[in-house]
Amino acid sequence: MASFQARTSREPGRTVIRLTGECDLAVRERLTGTLLAAVDAAPIVVVDLAAVEFLDSTGIHALVAAHHRARAADGRLYLVNAAGSVAALLELTGVGELLRHPEGGTG
């Protein structure tokens, strides 16, 4: 099992979250807390999924919840660098299109 990590960095005008490992039920609280804290602190949050090996419905739920929180505050949450089965799931659910970064897709 790949261990989950979330690294947050602040850049001018945005926060970048780099996720690693598996985003599933076991890390739901940490993932959701990290995403919500980021959207509360910055108008633009970019979630880098390049190192995510597995994403399930709880991970999708956390991303969508953070998206709704960001939009309620006139902010945005974007996904970048998804690949393989993670990208496929995002596209299948429509979340990939919903959270697509304007400068590059989720795949």
C-alpha atoms as a PDB file:
ATOM      1  CA  MET A   1       0.000   0.000   0.000  1.00  0.00           C
ATOM      2  CA  ALA A   2       1.377   3.395  -1.004  1.00  0.00           C
ATOM      3  CA  SER A   3       1.467   5.899   1.805  1.00  0.00           C
ATOM      4  CA  PHE A   4      -0.516   9.095   1.368  1.00  0.00           C
ATOM      5  CA  GLN A   5       1.155  12.480   1.518  1.00  0.00           C
ATOM      6  CA  ALA A   6      -0.070  15.990   0.817  1.00  0.00           C
ATOM      7  CA  ARG A   7       2.536  18.704   0.375  1.00  0.00           C
ATOM      8  CA  THR A   8       1.262  22.265   0.263  1.00  0.00           C
ATOM      9  CA  SER A   9       3.198  25.221  -1.075  1.00  0.00           C
ATOM     10  CA  ARG A  10       2.140  28.798  -1.470  1.00  0.00           C
ATOM     11  CA  GLU A  11       2.924  30.692  -4.629  1.00  0.00           C
ATOM     12  CA  PRO A  12       1.894  34.217  -5.627  1.00  0.00           C
ATOM     13  CA  GLY A  13      -1.899  34.186  -5.947  1.00  0.00           C
ATOM     14  CA  ARG A  14      -2.345  30.463  -5.442  1.00  0.00           C
ATOM     15  CA  THR A  15      -1.699  27.385  -3.356  1.00  0.00           C
ATOM     16  CA  VAL A  16      -0.356  24.168  -4.874  1.00  0.00           C
ATOM     17  CA  ILE A  17      -1.087  20.804  -3.256  1.00  0.00           C
ATOM     18  CA  ARG A  18       0.993  17.858  -4.414  1.00  0.00           C
ATOM     19  CA  LEU A  19      -0.671  14.572  -3.526  1.00  0.00           C
ATOM     20  CA  THR A  20       1.195  11.264  -3.366  1.00  0.00           C
ATOM     21  CA  GLY A  21       0.022   7.699  -2.901  1.00  0.00           C
ATOM     22  CA  GLU A  22      -3.538   6.507  -2.474  1.00  0.00           C
ATOM     23  CA  CYS A  23      -6.514   8.835  -1.963  1.00  0.00           C
ATOM     24  CA  ASP A  24      -9.074   6.510  -0.439  1.00  0.00           C
ATOM     25  CA  LEU A  25     -11.235   5.964   2.639  1.00  0.00           C
ATOM     26  CA  ALA A  26      -8.208   5.498   4.882  1.00  0.00           C
ATOM     27  CA  VAL A  27      -7.061   9.096   4.291  1.00  0.00           C
ATOM     28  CA  ARG A  28     -10.431  10.785   3.790  1.00  0.00           C
ATOM     29  CA  GLU A  29     -10.144  13.109   6.800  1.00  0.00           C
ATOM     30  CA  ARG A  30      -6.575  14.224   5.995  1.00  0.00           C
ATOM     31  CA  LEU A  31      -7.317  14.742   2.313  1.00  0.00           C
ATOM     32  CA  THR A  32     -10.530  16.671   2.907  1.00  0.00           C
ATOM     33  CA  GLY A  33      -8.966  18.775   5.657  1.00  0.00           C
ATOM     34  CA  THR A  34      -5.970  19.649   3.489  1.00  0.00           C
ATOM     35  CA  LEU A  35      -8.113  20.626   0.514  1.00  0.00           C
ATOM     36  CA  LEU A  36     -10.607  22.682   2.531  1.00  0.00           C
ATOM     37  CA  ALA A  37      -7.861  24.517   4.410  1.00  0.00           C
ATOM     38  CA  ALA A  38      -6.216  25.399   1.101  1.00  0.00           C
ATOM     39  CA  VAL A  39      -9.368  26.777  -0.511  1.00  0.00           C
ATOM     40  CA  ASP A  40     -10.094  28.781   2.634  1.00  0.00           C
ATOM     41  CA  ALA A  41      -6.614  30.345   2.444  1.00  0.00           C
ATOM     42  CA  ALA A  42      -6.190  31.082  -1.275  1.00  0.00           C
ATOM     43  CA  PRO A  43      -8.434  32.103  -4.166  1.00  0.00           C
ATOM     44  CA  ILE A  44      -6.825  29.561  -6.507  1.00  0.00           C
ATOM     45  CA  VAL A  45      -5.803  26.057  -5.499  1.00  0.00           C
ATOM     46  CA  VAL A  46      -4.016  23.716  -7.900  1.00  0.00           C
ATOM     47  CA  VAL A  47      -3.984  20.028  -6.969  1.00  0.00           C
ATOM     48  CA  ASP A  48      -1.149  18.107  -8.615  1.00  0.00           C
ATOM     49  CA  LEU A  49      -2.083  14.447  -9.031  1.00  0.00           C
ATOM     50  CA  ALA A  50       1.090  13.261 -10.811  1.00  0.00           C
ATOM     51  CA  ALA A  51       2.099  10.950  -7.938  1.00  0.00           C
ATOM     52  CA  VAL A  52      -1.392   9.677  -7.044  1.00  0.00           C
ATOM     53  CA  GLU A  53      -1.517   5.931  -7.627  1.00  0.00           C
ATOM     54  CA  PHE A  54      -5.127   5.310  -6.634  1.00  0.00           C
ATOM     55  CA  LEU A  55      -8.251   7.439  -6.282  1.00  0.00           C
ATOM     56  CA  ASP A  56     -11.645   6.172  -5.184  1.00  0.00           C
ATOM     57  CA  SER A  57     -15.055   7.723  -4.552  1.00  0.00           C
ATOM     58  CA  THR A  58     -13.970   9.219  -1.225  1.00  0.00           C
ATOM     59  CA  GLY A  59     -11.126  11.012  -3.006  1.00  0.00           C
ATOM     60  CA  ILE A  60     -13.547  12.240  -5.679  1.00  0.00           C
ATOM     61  CA  HIS A  61     -15.911  13.429  -2.932  1.00  0.00           C
ATOM     62  CA  ALA A  62     -13.120  15.383  -1.215  1.00  0.00           C
ATOM     63  CA  LEU A  63     -12.178  17.096  -4.494  1.00  0.00           C
ATOM     64  CA  VAL A  64     -15.785  18.015  -5.283  1.00  0.00           C
ATOM     65  CA  ALA A  65     -16.414  19.281  -1.719  1.00  0.00           C
ATOM     66  CA  ALA A  66     -13.327  21.490  -1.971  1.00  0.00           C
ATOM     67  CA  HIS A  67     -14.483  22.718  -5.389  1.00  0.00           C
ATOM     68  CA  HIS A  68     -17.858  23.739  -3.944  1.00  0.00           C
ATOM     69  CA  ARG A  69     -16.192  25.515  -1.008  1.00  0.00           C
ATOM     70  CA  ALA A  70     -13.863  27.363  -3.385  1.00  0.00           C
ATOM     71  CA  ARG A  71     -16.709  28.434  -5.688  1.00  0.00           C
ATOM     72  CA  ALA A  72     -18.761  29.673  -2.711  1.00  0.00           C
ATOM     73  CA  ALA A  73     -15.847  31.992  -1.904  1.00  0.00           C
ATOM     74  CA  ASP A  74     -15.423  33.058  -5.578  1.00  0.00           C
ATOM     75  CA  GLY A  75     -12.297  30.912  -5.827  1.00  0.00           C
ATOM     76  CA  ARG A  76     -11.256  27.991  -8.004  1.00  0.00           C
ATOM     77  CA  LEU A  77      -9.798  24.549  -7.493  1.00  0.00           C
ATOM     78  CA  TYR A  78      -8.023  22.914 -10.431  1.00  0.00           C
ATOM     79  CA  LEU A  79      -6.522  19.472 -11.043  1.00  0.00           C
ATOM     80  CA  VAL A  80      -3.335  18.878 -13.035  1.00  0.00           C
ATOM     81  CA  ASN A  81      -1.137  15.948 -14.056  1.00  0.00           C
ATOM     82  CA  ALA A  82      -3.529  13.055 -13.498  1.00  0.00           C
ATOM     83  CA  ALA A  83      -2.513   9.907 -15.370  1.00  0.00           C
ATOM     84  CA  GLY A  84      -3.583   6.321 -15.906  1.00  0.00           C
ATOM     85  CA  SER A  85      -6.513   5.001 -13.920  1.00  0.00           C
ATOM     86  CA  VAL A  86      -6.746   8.252 -11.910  1.00  0.00           C
ATOM     87  CA  ALA A  87      -7.238  10.289 -15.106  1.00  0.00           C
ATOM     88  CA  ALA A  88      -9.706   7.696 -16.407  1.00  0.00           C
ATOM     89  CA  LEU A  89     -11.812   7.880 -13.242  1.00  0.00           C
ATOM     90  CA  LEU A  90     -11.804  11.688 -13.291  1.00  0.00           C
ATOM     91  CA  GLU A  91     -12.997  11.692 -16.893  1.00  0.00           C
ATOM     92  CA  LEU A  92     -15.581   8.956 -16.301  1.00  0.00           C
ATOM     93  CA  THR A  93     -17.128  10.887 -13.405  1.00  0.00           C
ATOM     94  CA  GLY A  94     -16.960  14.280 -15.133  1.00  0.00           C
ATOM     95  CA  VAL A  95     -14.751  15.659 -12.369  1.00  0.00           C
ATOM     96  CA  GLY A  96     -11.802  15.913 -14.743  1.00  0.00           C
ATOM     97  CA  GLU A  97     -13.692  18.306 -16.992  1.00  0.00           C
ATOM     98  CA  LEU A  98     -15.226  20.205 -14.066  1.00  0.00           C
ATOM     99  CA  LEU A  99     -11.838  20.883 -12.462  1.00  0.00           C
ATOM    100  CA  ARG A 100      -9.670  21.090 -15.592  1.00  0.00           C
ATOM    101  CA  HIS A 101      -6.973  23.751 -15.341  1.00  0.00           C
ATOM    102  CA  PRO A 102      -7.263  26.293 -18.178  1.00  0.00           C
ATOM    103  CA  GLU A 103      -3.556  25.883 -19.028  1.00  0.00           C
ATOM    104  CA  GLY A 104      -3.583  22.096 -19.192  1.00  0.00           C
ATOM    105  CA  GLY A 105      -5.823  19.103 -18.691  1.00  0.00           C
ATOM    106  CA  THR A 106      -5.981  16.505 -15.999  1.00  0.00           C
ATOM    107  CA  GLY A 107      -4.412  13.850 -18.190  1.00  0.00           C
END
